[in-house]
């Protein structure tokens, strides 16, 4: 499995992952991977968020699959049976694919995706100035990019993912 070859388990959660629950051929743990570059969410979506704004992009029963070290996230649309990516600061969703196995083993392991979507190089610089992320955390630019924040390594701080998503959602309304 390509995913396991490319991602190192950093901090496991003892709960079935949302990805495994949707596609039982992929046994992926709900956990922090590569020090928080990617966090695979649990089946119960305990990292759920409630901001009304996000309902413009996703339905209440859609499933949060994983999120990046910068708080952007991937979700499974129940109605469309497809994976979408949401770049949080821009408030837009983008179709990825309708195959979770391809998403996990080809999309997430693609070097261009790791560089441009997950922002792996920037992430690795930031964790040299901070520590690795825990489950439920992401790095947030302070002030936020949408409020004119300067994209400098020293301006990123650890934040609670769910709170960050709720606050961005409220700011976008």
C-alpha atoms as a PDB file:
ATOM      1  CA  UNK A   1       0.000   0.000   0.000  1.00  0.00           C
ATOM      2  CA  UNK A   2       1.602   3.249  -1.158  1.00  0.00           C
ATOM      3  CA  UNK A   3       0.135   5.362   1.646  1.00  0.00           C
ATOM      4  CA  UNK A   4       1.877   3.373   4.376  1.00  0.00           C
ATOM      5  CA  UNK A   5       5.163   3.526   2.440  1.00  0.00           C
ATOM      6  CA  UNK A   6       4.972   7.333   2.246  1.00  0.00           C
ATOM      7  CA  UNK A   7       3.539   8.315   5.609  1.00  0.00           C
ATOM      8  CA  UNK A   8       4.914   7.592   9.060  1.00  0.00           C
ATOM      9  CA  UNK A   9       2.480   7.038  11.909  1.00  0.00           C
ATOM     10  CA  UNK A  10       3.257   9.699  14.515  1.00  0.00           C
ATOM     11  CA  UNK A  11       0.413   9.645  16.997  1.00  0.00           C
ATOM     12  CA  UNK A  12      -2.296   6.968  16.636  1.00  0.00           C
ATOM     13  CA  UNK A  13      -5.862   7.309  17.867  1.00  0.00           C
ATOM     14  CA  UNK A  14      -7.385   3.990  18.989  1.00  0.00           C
ATOM     15  CA  UNK A  15     -10.472   4.537  16.831  1.00  0.00           C
ATOM     16  CA  UNK A  16     -11.400   3.283  13.366  1.00  0.00           C
ATOM     17  CA  UNK A  17     -10.605   5.874  10.703  1.00  0.00           C
ATOM     18  CA  UNK A  18     -13.295   7.416   8.503  1.00  0.00           C
ATOM     19  CA  UNK A  19     -11.397   6.155   5.446  1.00  0.00           C
ATOM     20  CA  UNK A  20     -11.393   2.555   6.673  1.00  0.00           C
ATOM     21  CA  UNK A  21     -15.098   2.763   7.549  1.00  0.00           C
ATOM     22  CA  UNK A  22     -15.914   3.832   3.967  1.00  0.00           C
ATOM     23  CA  UNK A  23     -13.538   1.422   2.267  1.00  0.00           C
ATOM     24  CA  UNK A  24     -12.728  -1.584   4.428  1.00  0.00           C
ATOM     25  CA  UNK A  25      -9.996  -2.705   2.017  1.00  0.00           C
ATOM     26  CA  UNK A  26      -7.843   0.187   3.276  1.00  0.00           C
ATOM     27  CA  UNK A  27      -6.918  -0.424   6.895  1.00  0.00           C
ATOM     28  CA  UNK A  28      -5.611   3.019   7.831  1.00  0.00           C
ATOM     29  CA  UNK A  29      -5.433   4.133  11.438  1.00  0.00           C
ATOM     30  CA  UNK A  30      -6.983   7.339  12.617  1.00  0.00           C
ATOM     31  CA  UNK A  31      -3.797   9.197  13.490  1.00  0.00           C
ATOM     32  CA  UNK A  32      -1.280  11.971  13.001  1.00  0.00           C
ATOM     33  CA  UNK A  33       1.086  11.179  10.125  1.00  0.00           C
ATOM     34  CA  UNK A  34       4.488  12.727   9.374  1.00  0.00           C
ATOM     35  CA  UNK A  35       4.380  14.893  12.502  1.00  0.00           C
ATOM     36  CA  UNK A  36       1.016  16.375  11.483  1.00  0.00           C
ATOM     37  CA  UNK A  37       1.509  16.962   7.763  1.00  0.00           C
ATOM     38  CA  UNK A  38      -1.675  14.888   7.440  1.00  0.00           C
ATOM     39  CA  UNK A  39      -4.174  13.802  10.086  1.00  0.00           C
ATOM     40  CA  UNK A  40      -6.532  10.931   9.274  1.00  0.00           C
ATOM     41  CA  UNK A  41      -9.801  11.502  11.135  1.00  0.00           C
ATOM     42  CA  UNK A  42     -11.755   8.981  13.138  1.00  0.00           C
ATOM     43  CA  UNK A  43     -15.006   7.370  12.061  1.00  0.00           C
ATOM     44  CA  UNK A  44     -17.029   9.274  14.661  1.00  0.00           C
ATOM     45  CA  UNK A  45     -15.833  12.627  13.312  1.00  0.00           C
ATOM     46  CA  UNK A  46     -15.069  13.817  16.809  1.00  0.00           C
ATOM     47  CA  UNK A  47     -13.283  16.715  15.100  1.00  0.00           C
ATOM     48  CA  UNK A  48     -16.562  17.846  13.587  1.00  0.00           C
ATOM     49  CA  UNK A  49     -17.309  21.498  13.104  1.00  0.00           C
ATOM     50  CA  UNK A  50     -20.576  23.326  13.107  1.00  0.00           C
ATOM     51  CA  UNK A  51     -20.134  26.698  11.414  1.00  0.00           C
ATOM     52  CA  UNK A  52     -23.066  27.403   9.131  1.00  0.00           C
ATOM     53  CA  UNK A  53     -20.766  28.648   6.395  1.00  0.00           C
ATOM     54  CA  UNK A  54     -19.391  25.189   5.664  1.00  0.00           C
ATOM     55  CA  UNK A  55     -22.916  23.933   4.890  1.00  0.00           C
ATOM     56  CA  UNK A  56     -22.626  25.840   1.593  1.00  0.00           C
ATOM     57  CA  UNK A  57     -19.848  23.434   0.652  1.00  0.00           C
ATOM     58  CA  UNK A  58     -20.887  20.213   2.318  1.00  0.00           C
ATOM     59  CA  UNK A  59     -23.977  18.460   3.656  1.00  0.00           C
ATOM     60  CA  UNK A  60     -24.444  17.728   7.374  1.00  0.00           C
ATOM     61  CA  UNK A  61     -23.924  13.983   6.844  1.00  0.00           C
ATOM     62  CA  UNK A  62     -20.715  14.327   4.760  1.00  0.00           C
ATOM     63  CA  UNK A  63     -17.673  12.743   6.366  1.00  0.00           C
ATOM     64  CA  UNK A  64     -14.453  14.487   7.305  1.00  0.00           C
ATOM     65  CA  UNK A  65     -11.681  12.149   6.051  1.00  0.00           C
ATOM     66  CA  UNK A  66      -8.495  13.993   6.911  1.00  0.00           C
ATOM     67  CA  UNK A  67      -6.949  17.418   7.237  1.00  0.00           C
ATOM     68  CA  UNK A  68      -3.587  18.963   6.511  1.00  0.00           C
ATOM     69  CA  UNK A  69      -1.125  20.482   8.926  1.00  0.00           C
ATOM     70  CA  UNK A  70      -2.488  23.871   7.838  1.00  0.00           C
ATOM     71  CA  UNK A  71      -6.155  23.103   8.532  1.00  0.00           C
ATOM     72  CA  UNK A  72      -7.329  22.506   4.964  1.00  0.00           C
ATOM     73  CA  UNK A  73      -9.424  19.356   4.740  1.00  0.00           C
ATOM     74  CA  UNK A  74     -10.703  16.505   2.604  1.00  0.00           C
ATOM     75  CA  UNK A  75     -14.221  15.153   2.965  1.00  0.00           C
ATOM     76  CA  UNK A  76     -16.399  12.439   1.486  1.00  0.00           C
ATOM     77  CA  UNK A  77     -19.662  13.625  -0.038  1.00  0.00           C
ATOM     78  CA  UNK A  78     -22.308  11.028   0.745  1.00  0.00           C
ATOM     79  CA  UNK A  79     -24.652  12.311  -1.982  1.00  0.00           C
ATOM     80  CA  UNK A  80     -22.004  12.558  -4.694  1.00  0.00           C
ATOM     81  CA  UNK A  81     -19.919   9.577  -3.526  1.00  0.00           C
ATOM     82  CA  UNK A  82     -16.727  11.540  -4.016  1.00  0.00           C
ATOM     83  CA  UNK A  83     -13.746  13.056  -2.211  1.00  0.00           C
ATOM     84  CA  UNK A  84     -13.463  16.849  -2.113  1.00  0.00           C
ATOM     85  CA  UNK A  85     -10.714  19.194  -0.913  1.00  0.00           C
ATOM     86  CA  UNK A  86     -11.477  22.439   0.918  1.00  0.00           C
ATOM     87  CA  UNK A  87      -8.861  25.157   1.080  1.00  0.00           C
ATOM     88  CA  UNK A  88     -10.161  26.823   4.217  1.00  0.00           C
ATOM     89  CA  UNK A  89      -8.839  30.376   3.827  1.00  0.00           C
ATOM     90  CA  UNK A  90     -10.352  30.586   0.347  1.00  0.00           C
ATOM     91  CA  UNK A  91     -13.617  28.832   1.239  1.00  0.00           C
ATOM     92  CA  UNK A  92     -13.778  26.748  -1.907  1.00  0.00           C
ATOM     93  CA  UNK A  93     -14.150  23.030  -2.525  1.00  0.00           C
ATOM     94  CA  UNK A  94     -12.518  21.075  -5.321  1.00  0.00           C
ATOM     95  CA  UNK A  95     -13.475  17.631  -6.604  1.00  0.00           C
ATOM     96  CA  UNK A  96     -10.666  15.081  -6.171  1.00  0.00           C
ATOM     97  CA  UNK A  97     -12.035  11.668  -7.168  1.00  0.00           C
ATOM     98  CA  UNK A  98     -14.732   9.106  -6.472  1.00  0.00           C
ATOM     99  CA  UNK A  99     -12.277   6.356  -5.505  1.00  0.00           C
ATOM    100  CA  UNK A 100     -11.011   6.452  -1.920  1.00  0.00           C
ATOM    101  CA  UNK A 101      -8.276   3.910  -2.636  1.00  0.00           C
ATOM    102  CA  UNK A 102      -6.905   6.086  -5.455  1.00  0.00           C
ATOM    103  CA  UNK A 103      -7.183   9.176  -3.218  1.00  0.00           C
ATOM    104  CA  UNK A 104      -5.229   7.473  -0.452  1.00  0.00           C
ATOM    105  CA  UNK A 105      -2.574   5.613  -2.434  1.00  0.00           C
ATOM    106  CA  UNK A 106      -2.074   7.790  -5.509  1.00  0.00           C
ATOM    107  CA  UNK A 107      -3.292  11.318  -4.810  1.00  0.00           C
ATOM    108  CA  UNK A 108      -1.901  11.726  -1.274  1.00  0.00           C
ATOM    109  CA  UNK A 109       1.412  10.094  -2.215  1.00  0.00           C
ATOM    110  CA  UNK A 110       1.990  12.161  -5.362  1.00  0.00           C
ATOM    111  CA  UNK A 111       5.057  14.372  -4.893  1.00  0.00           C
ATOM    112  CA  UNK A 112       3.375  17.381  -6.537  1.00  0.00           C
ATOM    113  CA  UNK A 113       0.340  17.058  -4.252  1.00  0.00           C
ATOM    114  CA  UNK A 114       2.573  16.764  -1.190  1.00  0.00           C
ATOM    115  CA  UNK A 115       4.446  19.898  -2.255  1.00  0.00           C
ATOM    116  CA  UNK A 116       1.582  22.069  -3.549  1.00  0.00           C
ATOM    117  CA  UNK A 117      -1.513  20.932  -1.618  1.00  0.00           C
ATOM    118  CA  UNK A 118      -0.117  19.595   1.663  1.00  0.00           C
ATOM    119  CA  UNK A 119       2.705  22.188   1.526  1.00  0.00           C
ATOM    120  CA  UNK A 120       5.213  19.677   2.863  1.00  0.00           C
ATOM    121  CA  UNK A 121       8.314  21.860   2.464  1.00  0.00           C
ATOM    122  CA  UNK A 122       6.749  24.773   4.358  1.00  0.00           C
ATOM    123  CA  UNK A 123       5.372  22.378   6.981  1.00  0.00           C
ATOM    124  CA  UNK A 124       8.814  20.871   7.620  1.00  0.00           C
ATOM    125  CA  UNK A 125      10.309  24.346   8.111  1.00  0.00           C
ATOM    126  CA  UNK A 126       7.557  25.257  10.572  1.00  0.00           C
ATOM    127  CA  UNK A 127       7.967  22.155  12.746  1.00  0.00           C
ATOM    128  CA  UNK A 128      11.661  23.009  13.114  1.00  0.00           C
ATOM    129  CA  UNK A 129      10.483  26.189  14.912  1.00  0.00           C
ATOM    130  CA  UNK A 130       7.598  24.446  16.703  1.00  0.00           C
ATOM    131  CA  UNK A 131       7.002  20.852  17.706  1.00  0.00           C
ATOM    132  CA  UNK A 132       5.041  18.169  15.889  1.00  0.00           C
ATOM    133  CA  UNK A 133       1.264  18.474  15.872  1.00  0.00           C
ATOM    134  CA  UNK A 134      -1.042  16.369  18.016  1.00  0.00           C
ATOM    135  CA  UNK A 135      -4.379  14.917  16.955  1.00  0.00           C
ATOM    136  CA  UNK A 136      -6.821  17.822  16.675  1.00  0.00           C
ATOM    137  CA  UNK A 137      -4.174  20.482  16.010  1.00  0.00           C
ATOM    138  CA  UNK A 138      -3.054  22.392  12.934  1.00  0.00           C
ATOM    139  CA  UNK A 139      -0.741  25.306  12.227  1.00  0.00           C
ATOM    140  CA  UNK A 140      -2.454  28.650  11.706  1.00  0.00           C
ATOM    141  CA  UNK A 141      -0.944  31.822  10.308  1.00  0.00           C
ATOM    142  CA  UNK A 142      -1.376  34.720  12.756  1.00  0.00           C
ATOM    143  CA  UNK A 143      -2.939  36.939  11.690  1.00  0.00           C
ATOM    144  CA  UNK A 144      -4.860  34.837   9.197  1.00  0.00           C
ATOM    145  CA  UNK A 145      -4.002  35.132   5.533  1.00  0.00           C
ATOM    146  CA  UNK A 146      -7.490  36.477   4.785  1.00  0.00           C
ATOM    147  CA  UNK A 147      -6.752  39.274   7.281  1.00  0.00           C
ATOM    148  CA  UNK A 148      -3.392  40.174   5.758  1.00  0.00           C
ATOM    149  CA  UNK A 149      -1.094  37.812   7.648  1.00  0.00           C
ATOM    150  CA  UNK A 150       2.443  37.544   6.313  1.00  0.00           C
ATOM    151  CA  UNK A 151       3.373  34.005   5.284  1.00  0.00           C
ATOM    152  CA  UNK A 152       6.510  33.672   7.416  1.00  0.00           C
ATOM    153  CA  UNK A 153       7.569  30.528   9.308  1.00  0.00           C
ATOM    154  CA  UNK A 154       7.668  32.365  12.634  1.00  0.00           C
ATOM    155  CA  UNK A 155       4.047  33.569  12.193  1.00  0.00           C
ATOM    156  CA  UNK A 156       2.556  30.062  12.378  1.00  0.00           C
ATOM    157  CA  UNK A 157       1.154  28.905  15.709  1.00  0.00           C
ATOM    158  CA  UNK A 158      -0.472  25.665  16.835  1.00  0.00           C
ATOM    159  CA  UNK A 159      -4.236  25.855  17.004  1.00  0.00           C
ATOM    160  CA  UNK A 160      -7.202  23.583  17.633  1.00  0.00           C
ATOM    161  CA  UNK A 161      -8.427  22.404  14.215  1.00  0.00           C
ATOM    162  CA  UNK A 162     -12.166  22.437  15.042  1.00  0.00           C
ATOM    163  CA  UNK A 163     -12.047  25.894  16.603  1.00  0.00           C
ATOM    164  CA  UNK A 164     -10.021  27.242  13.674  1.00  0.00           C
ATOM    165  CA  UNK A 165     -12.542  25.857  11.161  1.00  0.00           C
ATOM    166  CA  UNK A 166     -15.472  27.307  13.119  1.00  0.00           C
ATOM    167  CA  UNK A 167     -13.838  30.735  13.364  1.00  0.00           C
ATOM    168  CA  UNK A 168     -12.959  30.833   9.654  1.00  0.00           C
ATOM    169  CA  UNK A 169     -16.499  29.748   8.817  1.00  0.00           C
ATOM    170  CA  UNK A 170     -17.966  32.528  10.944  1.00  0.00           C
ATOM    171  CA  UNK A 171     -15.619  35.084   9.382  1.00  0.00           C
ATOM    172  CA  UNK A 172     -16.729  34.034   5.874  1.00  0.00           C
ATOM    173  CA  UNK A 173     -20.480  34.477   6.476  1.00  0.00           C
END
